[in-house]
Amino acid sequence: MRIRAAWLLLTLSSALCYPGGILLAQDSTTVQKSPPTTGTTAPQNDQSYDAAEPDPAAAAAPGEINPSSGDEGAGWDAAVEEAHGPTPLIGAQQDAAVQRINAYFNALTNLQGNFEQIDSNNKHTKGRFYVQRPGKIRFDYEPPSSLRIVADGHFLAIEDSDLKTIEKYPLESTPFRLLLGDGVDLARDARVVGVESDDASLAISLQDKSGDAAGQIKLYFDTTPEMKLRQWVITDAQGLATTVTVSDIMPGRKVAADFFTSTTSFQPFR
């Protein structure tokens, strides 16, 4: 697993697939025109109508809307009003939202919860995570996954019990540093790509400020009745994305001193 994996492990792996659809054209019917004839021809049907009255054949089909009737501008305005979606924040509003997110992470100490991960192959995995700020985090994957991820405040270890391997990276070289540091300041430590908000949620998109790591992470929060992290999505340089949704978040329980320490013994899922 390479350093790219460490970035993906903030979302706990790699990419969503967006299925594309193909619009098929309907069969068309060709109407052949008869060559003009000279002389008098008998009418092709014996149902006549007054030229001053509208042609019954030209009448619109029942339920069909005549686009020329009504106020088109009013229809467009109504459609825009019905289209609900998050509002991009700029300027002072964006700064205030970023500060709110910073305050949320800085207020966290110990917590735990469940996670569900969907990778680029639509593979679902689940598990439980634990956080102890500053610097400590642990993800225990449910079987059949053989992974466990542990950060002890200095290094992040990726343990694979099937392969009997442990790979370590400096915590500062992973995206966990943005959220687990002693003082979270996203505007200082990352490039804020955008912030969006609606009545009940808030989202922020971030990129690595140094430019050493390609890709983007987007964090989603519920804001009512209180601020709470709900999901994050990371997109790599190839456009592949991984989604992790967290649930049942609660204050963390007391754990053993070595709970966030990587060891060479591989314990079953707990």
C-alpha atoms as a PDB file:
ATOM      1  CA  MET A   1       0.000   0.000   0.000  1.00  0.00           C
ATOM      2  CA  ARG A   2       1.539   3.271  -1.075  1.00  0.00           C
ATOM      3  CA  ILE A   3       1.355   6.827   0.285  1.00  0.00           C
ATOM      4  CA  ARG A   4      -1.708   7.329  -1.935  1.00  0.00           C
ATOM      5  CA  ALA A   5      -3.391   4.724   0.246  1.00  0.00           C
ATOM      6  CA  ALA A   6      -2.843   6.898   3.283  1.00  0.00           C
ATOM      7  CA  TRP A   7      -4.823   9.690   1.640  1.00  0.00           C
ATOM      8  CA  LEU A   8      -7.524   7.253   0.658  1.00  0.00           C
ATOM      9  CA  LEU A   9      -7.672   5.934   4.182  1.00  0.00           C
ATOM     10  CA  LEU A  10      -9.111   9.214   5.388  1.00  0.00           C
ATOM     11  CA  THR A  11     -12.129   7.944   3.530  1.00  0.00           C
ATOM     12  CA  LEU A  12     -10.989   4.417   4.270  1.00  0.00           C
ATOM     13  CA  SER A  13     -10.210   3.457   0.523  1.00  0.00           C
ATOM     14  CA  SER A  14     -10.832   4.444  -3.204  1.00  0.00           C
ATOM     15  CA  ALA A  15     -13.742   5.493  -5.590  1.00  0.00           C
ATOM     16  CA  LEU A  16     -17.439   5.820  -6.404  1.00  0.00           C
ATOM     17  CA  CYS A  17     -18.562   4.870  -9.837  1.00  0.00           C
ATOM     18  CA  TYR A  18     -21.061   7.033 -11.574  1.00  0.00           C
ATOM     19  CA  PRO A  19     -22.962   4.911 -14.092  1.00  0.00           C
ATOM     20  CA  GLY A  20     -23.538   6.659 -17.345  1.00  0.00           C
ATOM     21  CA  GLY A  21     -26.781   6.449 -19.246  1.00  0.00           C
ATOM     22  CA  ILE A  22     -27.309   6.281 -23.000  1.00  0.00           C
ATOM     23  CA  LEU A  23     -30.186   8.076 -24.587  1.00  0.00           C
ATOM     24  CA  LEU A  24     -31.545   6.065 -27.516  1.00  0.00           C
ATOM     25  CA  ALA A  25     -33.275   7.898 -30.349  1.00  0.00           C
ATOM     26  CA  GLN A  26     -36.786   6.747 -31.134  1.00  0.00           C
ATOM     27  CA  ASP A  27     -37.567   5.335 -34.568  1.00  0.00           C
ATOM     28  CA  SER A  28     -38.656   8.024 -36.997  1.00  0.00           C
ATOM     29  CA  THR A  29     -41.256   7.675 -39.721  1.00  0.00           C
ATOM     30  CA  THR A  30     -40.621   9.062 -43.202  1.00  0.00           C
ATOM     31  CA  VAL A  31     -43.625  10.494 -45.005  1.00  0.00           C
ATOM     32  CA  GLN A  32     -43.324  10.439 -48.777  1.00  0.00           C
ATOM     33  CA  LYS A  33     -44.845  13.312 -50.699  1.00  0.00           C
ATOM     34  CA  SER A  34     -46.861  12.533 -53.813  1.00  0.00           C
ATOM     35  CA  PRO A  35     -45.834  14.399 -56.996  1.00  0.00           C
ATOM     36  CA  PRO A  36     -48.153  17.299 -57.861  1.00  0.00           C
ATOM     37  CA  THR A  37     -50.877  16.509 -60.388  1.00  0.00           C
ATOM     38  CA  THR A  38     -52.615  18.768 -62.822  1.00  0.00           C
ATOM     39  CA  GLY A  39     -56.300  19.188 -63.316  1.00  0.00           C
ATOM     40  CA  THR A  40     -59.064  18.804 -60.863  1.00  0.00           C
ATOM     41  CA  THR A  41     -58.797  16.132 -58.219  1.00  0.00           C
ATOM     42  CA  ALA A  42     -61.507  14.870 -56.004  1.00  0.00           C
ATOM     43  CA  PRO A  43     -61.163  15.640 -52.330  1.00  0.00           C
ATOM     44  CA  GLN A  44     -59.594  12.722 -50.474  1.00  0.00           C
ATOM     45  CA  ASN A  45     -62.245  12.797 -47.774  1.00  0.00           C
ATOM     46  CA  ASP A  46     -65.721  14.100 -47.811  1.00  0.00           C
ATOM     47  CA  GLN A  47     -65.517  15.879 -44.457  1.00  0.00           C
ATOM     48  CA  SER A  48     -65.201  19.597 -45.180  1.00  0.00           C
ATOM     49  CA  TYR A  49     -64.886  22.492 -42.787  1.00  0.00           C
ATOM     50  CA  ASP A  50     -65.207  26.229 -42.916  1.00  0.00           C
ATOM     51  CA  ALA A  51     -61.834  27.867 -43.651  1.00  0.00           C
ATOM     52  CA  ALA A  52     -62.718  30.553 -41.157  1.00  0.00           C
ATOM     53  CA  GLU A  53     -62.824  27.953 -38.381  1.00  0.00           C
ATOM     54  CA  PRO A  54     -59.754  26.160 -37.064  1.00  0.00           C
ATOM     55  CA  ASP A  55     -58.833  22.884 -38.702  1.00  0.00           C
ATOM     56  CA  PRO A  56     -59.949  20.068 -36.409  1.00  0.00           C
ATOM     57  CA  ALA A  57     -56.924  18.011 -37.525  1.00  0.00           C
ATOM     58  CA  ALA A  58     -54.649  20.775 -36.297  1.00  0.00           C
ATOM     59  CA  ALA A  59     -56.139  20.874 -32.836  1.00  0.00           C
ATOM     60  CA  ALA A  60     -53.782  19.997 -30.050  1.00  0.00           C
ATOM     61  CA  ALA A  61     -54.085  16.532 -28.585  1.00  0.00           C
ATOM     62  CA  PRO A  62     -55.839  16.317 -25.225  1.00  0.00           C
ATOM     63  CA  GLY A  63     -53.450  17.119 -22.396  1.00  0.00           C
ATOM     64  CA  GLU A  64     -50.854  18.635 -24.745  1.00  0.00           C
ATOM     65  CA  ILE A  65     -49.467  22.001 -23.668  1.00  0.00           C
ATOM     66  CA  ASN A  66     -49.161  24.781 -26.168  1.00  0.00           C
ATOM     67  CA  PRO A  67     -45.725  26.279 -25.507  1.00  0.00           C
ATOM     68  CA  SER A  68     -46.773  29.644 -26.888  1.00  0.00           C
ATOM     69  CA  SER A  69     -49.504  30.083 -24.300  1.00  0.00           C
ATOM     70  CA  GLY A  70     -48.853  31.492 -20.847  1.00  0.00           C
ATOM     71  CA  ASP A  71     -45.852  33.332 -19.511  1.00  0.00           C
ATOM     72  CA  GLU A  72     -42.691  31.336 -20.247  1.00  0.00           C
ATOM     73  CA  GLY A  73     -40.672  33.508 -17.893  1.00  0.00           C
ATOM     74  CA  ALA A  74     -43.028  32.739 -15.030  1.00  0.00           C
ATOM     75  CA  GLY A  75     -42.656  29.013 -15.707  1.00  0.00           C
ATOM     76  CA  TRP A  76     -38.858  29.266 -15.572  1.00  0.00           C
ATOM     77  CA  ASP A  77     -38.957  31.201 -12.313  1.00  0.00           C
ATOM     78  CA  ALA A  78     -41.230  28.575 -10.785  1.00  0.00           C
ATOM     79  CA  ALA A  79     -38.889  25.786 -11.873  1.00  0.00           C
ATOM     80  CA  VAL A  80     -35.910  27.561 -10.317  1.00  0.00           C
ATOM     81  CA  GLU A  81     -37.799  28.061  -7.055  1.00  0.00           C
ATOM     82  CA  GLU A  82     -38.644  24.346  -6.922  1.00  0.00           C
ATOM     83  CA  ALA A  83     -35.010  23.285  -7.471  1.00  0.00           C
ATOM     84  CA  HIS A  84     -33.666  22.814  -3.951  1.00  0.00           C
ATOM     85  CA  GLY A  85     -29.954  22.432  -3.314  1.00  0.00           C
ATOM     86  CA  PRO A  86     -27.108  23.658  -1.125  1.00  0.00           C
ATOM     87  CA  THR A  87     -26.068  27.282  -1.486  1.00  0.00           C
ATOM     88  CA  PRO A  88     -22.378  28.041  -2.164  1.00  0.00           C
ATOM     89  CA  LEU A  89     -20.939  30.339   0.488  1.00  0.00           C
ATOM     90  CA  ILE A  90     -18.428  33.066  -0.302  1.00  0.00           C
ATOM     91  CA  GLY A  91     -16.605  35.841   1.518  1.00  0.00           C
ATOM     92  CA  ALA A  92     -17.513  36.381   5.152  1.00  0.00           C
ATOM     93  CA  GLN A  93     -20.153  33.613   5.071  1.00  0.00           C
ATOM     94  CA  GLN A  94     -17.562  31.074   3.935  1.00  0.00           C
ATOM     95  CA  ASP A  95     -15.071  32.234   6.562  1.00  0.00           C
ATOM     96  CA  ALA A  96     -17.700  31.895   9.289  1.00  0.00           C
ATOM     97  CA  ALA A  97     -18.600  28.367   8.126  1.00  0.00           C
ATOM     98  CA  VAL A  98     -14.936  27.285   8.119  1.00  0.00           C
ATOM     99  CA  GLN A  99     -14.519  28.649  11.637  1.00  0.00           C
ATOM    100  CA  ARG A 100     -17.597  26.707  12.706  1.00  0.00           C
ATOM    101  CA  ILE A 101     -16.103  23.489  11.327  1.00  0.00           C
ATOM    102  CA  ASN A 102     -12.771  24.222  13.027  1.00  0.00           C
ATOM    103  CA  ALA A 103     -14.555  24.729  16.342  1.00  0.00           C
ATOM    104  CA  TYR A 104     -16.406  21.427  15.916  1.00  0.00           C
ATOM    105  CA  PHE A 105     -13.206  19.408  15.491  1.00  0.00           C
ATOM    106  CA  ASN A 106     -11.322  21.314  18.182  1.00  0.00           C
ATOM    107  CA  ALA A 107     -14.112  20.535  20.665  1.00  0.00           C
ATOM    108  CA  LEU A 108     -13.775  16.784  20.080  1.00  0.00           C
ATOM    109  CA  THR A 109     -11.752  14.751  22.530  1.00  0.00           C
ATOM    110  CA  ASN A 110     -12.752  11.093  22.751  1.00  0.00           C
ATOM    111  CA  LEU A 111     -15.444   9.577  20.549  1.00  0.00           C
ATOM    112  CA  GLN A 112     -16.363   6.398  18.739  1.00  0.00           C
ATOM    113  CA  GLY A 113     -18.896   5.213  16.187  1.00  0.00           C
ATOM    114  CA  ASN A 114     -19.635   2.959  13.237  1.00  0.00           C
ATOM    115  CA  PHE A 115     -18.556   3.481   9.656  1.00  0.00           C
ATOM    116  CA  GLU A 116     -19.597   2.138   6.271  1.00  0.00           C
ATOM    117  CA  GLN A 117     -17.299   2.471   3.277  1.00  0.00           C
ATOM    118  CA  ILE A 118     -18.090   2.230  -0.434  1.00  0.00           C
ATOM    119  CA  ASP A 119     -15.116   2.053  -2.784  1.00  0.00           C
ATOM    120  CA  SER A 120     -14.764   2.621  -6.523  1.00  0.00           C
ATOM    121  CA  ASN A 121     -15.837  -0.952  -7.276  1.00  0.00           C
ATOM    122  CA  ASN A 122     -19.011  -0.470  -5.211  1.00  0.00           C
ATOM    123  CA  LYS A 123     -17.581  -2.771  -2.555  1.00  0.00           C
ATOM    124  CA  HIS A 124     -19.125  -2.215   0.873  1.00  0.00           C
ATOM    125  CA  THR A 125     -17.178  -2.674   4.085  1.00  0.00           C
ATOM    126  CA  LYS A 126     -18.106  -1.813   7.650  1.00  0.00           C
ATOM    127  CA  GLY A 127     -16.449  -1.397  10.983  1.00  0.00           C
ATOM    128  CA  ARG A 128     -15.976   0.692  14.076  1.00  0.00           C
ATOM    129  CA  PHE A 129     -13.754   3.708  14.628  1.00  0.00           C
ATOM    130  CA  TYR A 130     -12.294   5.414  17.687  1.00  0.00           C
ATOM    131  CA  VAL A 131     -10.785   8.883  18.053  1.00  0.00           C
ATOM    132  CA  GLN A 132      -8.710  10.395  20.821  1.00  0.00           C
ATOM    133  CA  ARG A 133      -7.487  13.867  20.020  1.00  0.00           C
ATOM    134  CA  PRO A 134      -4.863  14.988  19.486  1.00  0.00           C
ATOM    135  CA  GLY A 135      -3.395  12.565  17.031  1.00  0.00           C
ATOM    136  CA  LYS A 136      -4.922   9.176  17.841  1.00  0.00           C
ATOM    137  CA  ILE A 137      -7.381   7.228  15.725  1.00  0.00           C
ATOM    138  CA  ARG A 138      -8.241   3.609  15.063  1.00  0.00           C
ATOM    139  CA  PHE A 139     -10.407   1.862  12.454  1.00  0.00           C
ATOM    140  CA  ASP A 140     -11.335  -1.782  13.022  1.00  0.00           C
ATOM    141  CA  TYR A 141     -12.783  -3.393   9.887  1.00  0.00           C
ATOM    142  CA  GLU A 142     -15.342  -6.170  10.176  1.00  0.00           C
ATOM    143  CA  PRO A 143     -14.456  -9.564   8.677  1.00  0.00           C
ATOM    144  CA  PRO A 144     -13.850 -10.637   6.002  1.00  0.00           C
ATOM    145  CA  SER A 145     -11.636  -7.533   5.734  1.00  0.00           C
ATOM    146  CA  SER A 146      -8.230  -8.078   7.300  1.00  0.00           C
ATOM    147  CA  LEU A 147      -7.362  -4.386   7.793  1.00  0.00           C
ATOM    148  CA  ARG A 148      -6.892  -2.291  10.867  1.00  0.00           C
ATOM    149  CA  ILE A 149      -5.650   1.301  10.873  1.00  0.00           C
ATOM    150  CA  VAL A 150      -4.046   2.806  13.968  1.00  0.00           C
ATOM    151  CA  ALA A 151      -2.493   6.232  14.582  1.00  0.00           C
ATOM    152  CA  ASP A 152      -0.600   6.738  17.841  1.00  0.00           C
ATOM    153  CA  GLY A 153      -0.077  10.487  17.529  1.00  0.00           C
ATOM    154  CA  HIS A 154       3.159  10.198  15.565  1.00  0.00           C
ATOM    155  CA  PHE A 155       2.746   7.432  13.004  1.00  0.00           C
ATOM    156  CA  LEU A 156      -0.178   5.909  11.137  1.00  0.00           C
ATOM    157  CA  ALA A 157       0.019   2.126  10.771  1.00  0.00           C
ATOM    158  CA  ILE A 158      -1.884  -0.003   8.274  1.00  0.00           C
ATOM    159  CA  GLU A 159      -2.085  -3.564   9.533  1.00  0.00           C
ATOM    160  CA  ASP A 160      -3.083  -6.515   7.372  1.00  0.00           C
ATOM    161  CA  SER A 161      -3.653  -9.647   9.413  1.00  0.00           C
ATOM    162  CA  ASP A 162      -3.866 -11.888   6.325  1.00  0.00           C
ATOM    163  CA  LEU A 163      -0.547 -10.727   4.917  1.00  0.00           C
ATOM    164  CA  LYS A 164       0.967 -10.314   8.395  1.00  0.00           C
ATOM    165  CA  THR A 165       2.279  -6.886   7.437  1.00  0.00           C
ATOM    166  CA  ILE A 166       2.353  -3.472   9.067  1.00  0.00           C
ATOM    167  CA  GLU A 167       3.121  -0.339   7.053  1.00  0.00           C
ATOM    168  CA  LYS A 168       3.825   2.937   8.833  1.00  0.00           C
ATOM    169  CA  TYR A 169       3.692   6.549   7.653  1.00  0.00           C
ATOM    170  CA  PRO A 170       4.388   9.782   9.519  1.00  0.00           C
ATOM    171  CA  LEU A 171       1.020  11.128  10.649  1.00  0.00           C
ATOM    172  CA  GLU A 172       1.962  14.544   9.259  1.00  0.00           C
ATOM    173  CA  SER A 173       2.141  13.063   5.747  1.00  0.00           C
ATOM    174  CA  THR A 174      -1.477  11.856   5.886  1.00  0.00           C
ATOM    175  CA  PRO A 175      -4.717  13.860   5.692  1.00  0.00           C
ATOM    176  CA  PHE A 176      -5.528  12.842   9.259  1.00  0.00           C
ATOM    177  CA  ARG A 177      -3.257  15.658  10.357  1.00  0.00           C
ATOM    178  CA  LEU A 178      -5.904  18.157   9.190  1.00  0.00           C
ATOM    179  CA  LEU A 179      -8.470  16.855  11.681  1.00  0.00           C
ATOM    180  CA  LEU A 180      -6.444  15.325  14.505  1.00  0.00           C
ATOM    181  CA  GLY A 181      -3.986  18.158  15.166  1.00  0.00           C
ATOM    182  CA  ASP A 182      -3.826  19.956  18.464  1.00  0.00           C
ATOM    183  CA  GLY A 183      -5.437  22.990  16.830  1.00  0.00           C
ATOM    184  CA  VAL A 184      -7.531  22.399  13.705  1.00  0.00           C
ATOM    185  CA  ASP A 185      -7.369  25.311  11.238  1.00  0.00           C
ATOM    186  CA  LEU A 186      -8.506  24.174   7.803  1.00  0.00           C
ATOM    187  CA  ALA A 187      -7.939  27.528   6.100  1.00  0.00           C
ATOM    188  CA  ARG A 188      -4.339  27.499   7.337  1.00  0.00           C
ATOM    189  CA  ASP A 189      -3.510  23.856   6.672  1.00  0.00           C
ATOM    190  CA  ALA A 190      -5.505  23.123   3.500  1.00  0.00           C
ATOM    191  CA  ARG A 191      -6.836  24.823   0.395  1.00  0.00           C
ATOM    192  CA  VAL A 192     -10.549  25.452   0.804  1.00  0.00           C
ATOM    193  CA  VAL A 193     -12.071  24.691  -2.608  1.00  0.00           C
ATOM    194  CA  GLY A 194     -15.646  25.509  -1.623  1.00  0.00           C
ATOM    195  CA  VAL A 195     -18.234  25.565   1.135  1.00  0.00           C
ATOM    196  CA  GLU A 196     -21.945  24.790   0.714  1.00  0.00           C
ATOM    197  CA  SER A 197     -24.853  25.096   3.107  1.00  0.00           C
ATOM    198  CA  ASP A 198     -28.584  24.537   3.379  1.00  0.00           C
ATOM    199  CA  ASP A 199     -31.064  24.546   6.249  1.00  0.00           C
ATOM    200  CA  ALA A 200     -29.789  21.358   7.852  1.00  0.00           C
ATOM    201  CA  SER A 201     -26.324  20.614   6.465  1.00  0.00           C
ATOM    202  CA  LEU A 202     -22.905  22.012   5.708  1.00  0.00           C
ATOM    203  CA  ALA A 203     -20.192  20.735   3.364  1.00  0.00           C
ATOM    204  CA  ILE A 204     -16.583  21.758   2.771  1.00  0.00           C
ATOM    205  CA  SER A 205     -14.233  20.682  -0.047  1.00  0.00           C
ATOM    206  CA  LEU A 206     -10.497  20.647   0.655  1.00  0.00           C
ATOM    207  CA  GLN A 207      -7.292  20.049  -1.270  1.00  0.00           C
ATOM    208  CA  ASP A 208      -3.727  19.560  -0.075  1.00  0.00           C
ATOM    209  CA  LYS A 209      -2.225  23.022   0.266  1.00  0.00           C
ATOM    210  CA  SER A 210       1.315  21.938  -0.582  1.00  0.00           C
ATOM    211  CA  GLY A 211       0.256  20.312  -3.844  1.00  0.00           C
ATOM    212  CA  ASP A 212       2.149  17.121  -2.968  1.00  0.00           C
ATOM    213  CA  ALA A 213      -1.032  15.031  -2.866  1.00  0.00           C
ATOM    214  CA  ALA A 214      -3.487  15.192  -5.748  1.00  0.00           C
ATOM    215  CA  GLY A 215      -7.194  14.820  -5.161  1.00  0.00           C
ATOM    216  CA  GLN A 216      -9.882  16.348  -3.007  1.00  0.00           C
ATOM    217  CA  ILE A 217     -11.797  15.548   0.147  1.00  0.00           C
ATOM    218  CA  LYS A 218     -15.327  16.742   0.886  1.00  0.00           C
ATOM    219  CA  LEU A 219     -16.704  16.638   4.430  1.00  0.00           C
ATOM    220  CA  TYR A 220     -20.457  16.646   5.107  1.00  0.00           C
ATOM    221  CA  PHE A 221     -22.009  17.723   8.408  1.00  0.00           C
ATOM    222  CA  ASP A 222     -25.525  17.713   9.809  1.00  0.00           C
ATOM    223  CA  THR A 223     -26.189  21.031  11.528  1.00  0.00           C
ATOM    224  CA  THR A 224     -29.487  20.335  13.290  1.00  0.00           C
ATOM    225  CA  PRO A 225     -30.147  19.801  16.089  1.00  0.00           C
ATOM    226  CA  GLU A 226     -26.383  20.105  16.546  1.00  0.00           C
ATOM    227  CA  MET A 227     -23.224  20.000  14.466  1.00  0.00           C
ATOM    228  CA  LYS A 228     -22.181  16.430  13.645  1.00  0.00           C
ATOM    229  CA  LEU A 229     -19.922  14.836  11.046  1.00  0.00           C
ATOM    230  CA  ARG A 230     -22.016  12.607   8.768  1.00  0.00           C
ATOM    231  CA  GLN A 231     -19.916  11.616   5.752  1.00  0.00           C
ATOM    232  CA  TRP A 232     -16.781  12.276   3.790  1.00  0.00           C
ATOM    233  CA  VAL A 233     -15.921  11.647   0.136  1.00  0.00           C
ATOM    234  CA  ILE A 234     -12.425  11.641  -1.271  1.00  0.00           C
ATOM    235  CA  THR A 235     -11.724  11.902  -4.991  1.00  0.00           C
ATOM    236  CA  ASP A 236      -8.276  10.997  -6.279  1.00  0.00           C
ATOM    237  CA  ALA A 237      -6.359  12.366  -9.255  1.00  0.00           C
ATOM    238  CA  GLN A 238      -8.051   9.840 -11.569  1.00  0.00           C
ATOM    239  CA  GLY A 239     -11.526  11.025 -10.549  1.00  0.00           C
ATOM    240  CA  LEU A 240     -12.218   7.896  -8.468  1.00  0.00           C
ATOM    241  CA  ALA A 241     -14.050   8.516  -5.212  1.00  0.00           C
ATOM    242  CA  THR A 242     -14.620   6.694  -1.948  1.00  0.00           C
ATOM    243  CA  THR A 243     -17.497   7.462   0.394  1.00  0.00           C
ATOM    244  CA  VAL A 244     -17.488   6.831   4.131  1.00  0.00           C
ATOM    245  CA  THR A 245     -20.628   7.383   6.185  1.00  0.00           C
ATOM    246  CA  VAL A 246     -20.414   7.444   9.972  1.00  0.00           C
ATOM    247  CA  SER A 247     -23.209   6.753  12.453  1.00  0.00           C
ATOM    248  CA  ASP A 248     -23.964   6.130  16.124  1.00  0.00           C
ATOM    249  CA  ILE A 249     -21.274   8.594  17.182  1.00  0.00           C
ATOM    250  CA  MET A 250     -20.922   8.880  20.944  1.00  0.00           C
ATOM    251  CA  PRO A 251     -18.319   9.866  23.539  1.00  0.00           C
ATOM    252  CA  GLY A 252     -15.449   7.421  23.570  1.00  0.00           C
ATOM    253  CA  ARG A 253     -15.118   4.836  26.306  1.00  0.00           C
ATOM    254  CA  LYS A 254     -12.036   4.443  28.426  1.00  0.00           C
ATOM    255  CA  VAL A 255      -9.486   2.282  26.619  1.00  0.00           C
ATOM    256  CA  ALA A 256      -6.254   0.547  27.467  1.00  0.00           C
ATOM    257  CA  ALA A 257      -3.019   2.498  27.200  1.00  0.00           C
ATOM    258  CA  ASP A 258      -1.910   0.542  24.131  1.00  0.00           C
ATOM    259  CA  PHE A 259      -5.278   0.730  22.304  1.00  0.00           C
ATOM    260  CA  PHE A 260      -3.895   3.207  19.744  1.00  0.00           C
ATOM    261  CA  THR A 261      -0.528   1.481  19.448  1.00  0.00           C
ATOM    262  CA  SER A 262       0.328  -0.702  16.469  1.00  0.00           C
ATOM    263  CA  THR A 263       1.618  -4.140  17.408  1.00  0.00           C
ATOM    264  CA  THR A 264       2.706  -7.230  15.570  1.00  0.00           C
ATOM    265  CA  SER A 265      -0.109  -9.283  17.113  1.00  0.00           C
ATOM    266  CA  PHE A 266      -3.299  -9.403  15.030  1.00  0.00           C
ATOM    267  CA  GLN A 267      -6.394  -9.405  17.152  1.00  0.00           C
ATOM    268  CA  PRO A 268      -9.842 -10.311  15.872  1.00  0.00           C
ATOM    269  CA  PHE A 269     -12.400  -7.613  15.138  1.00  0.00           C
ATOM    270  CA  ARG A 270     -13.683  -6.002  18.348  1.00  0.00           C
END
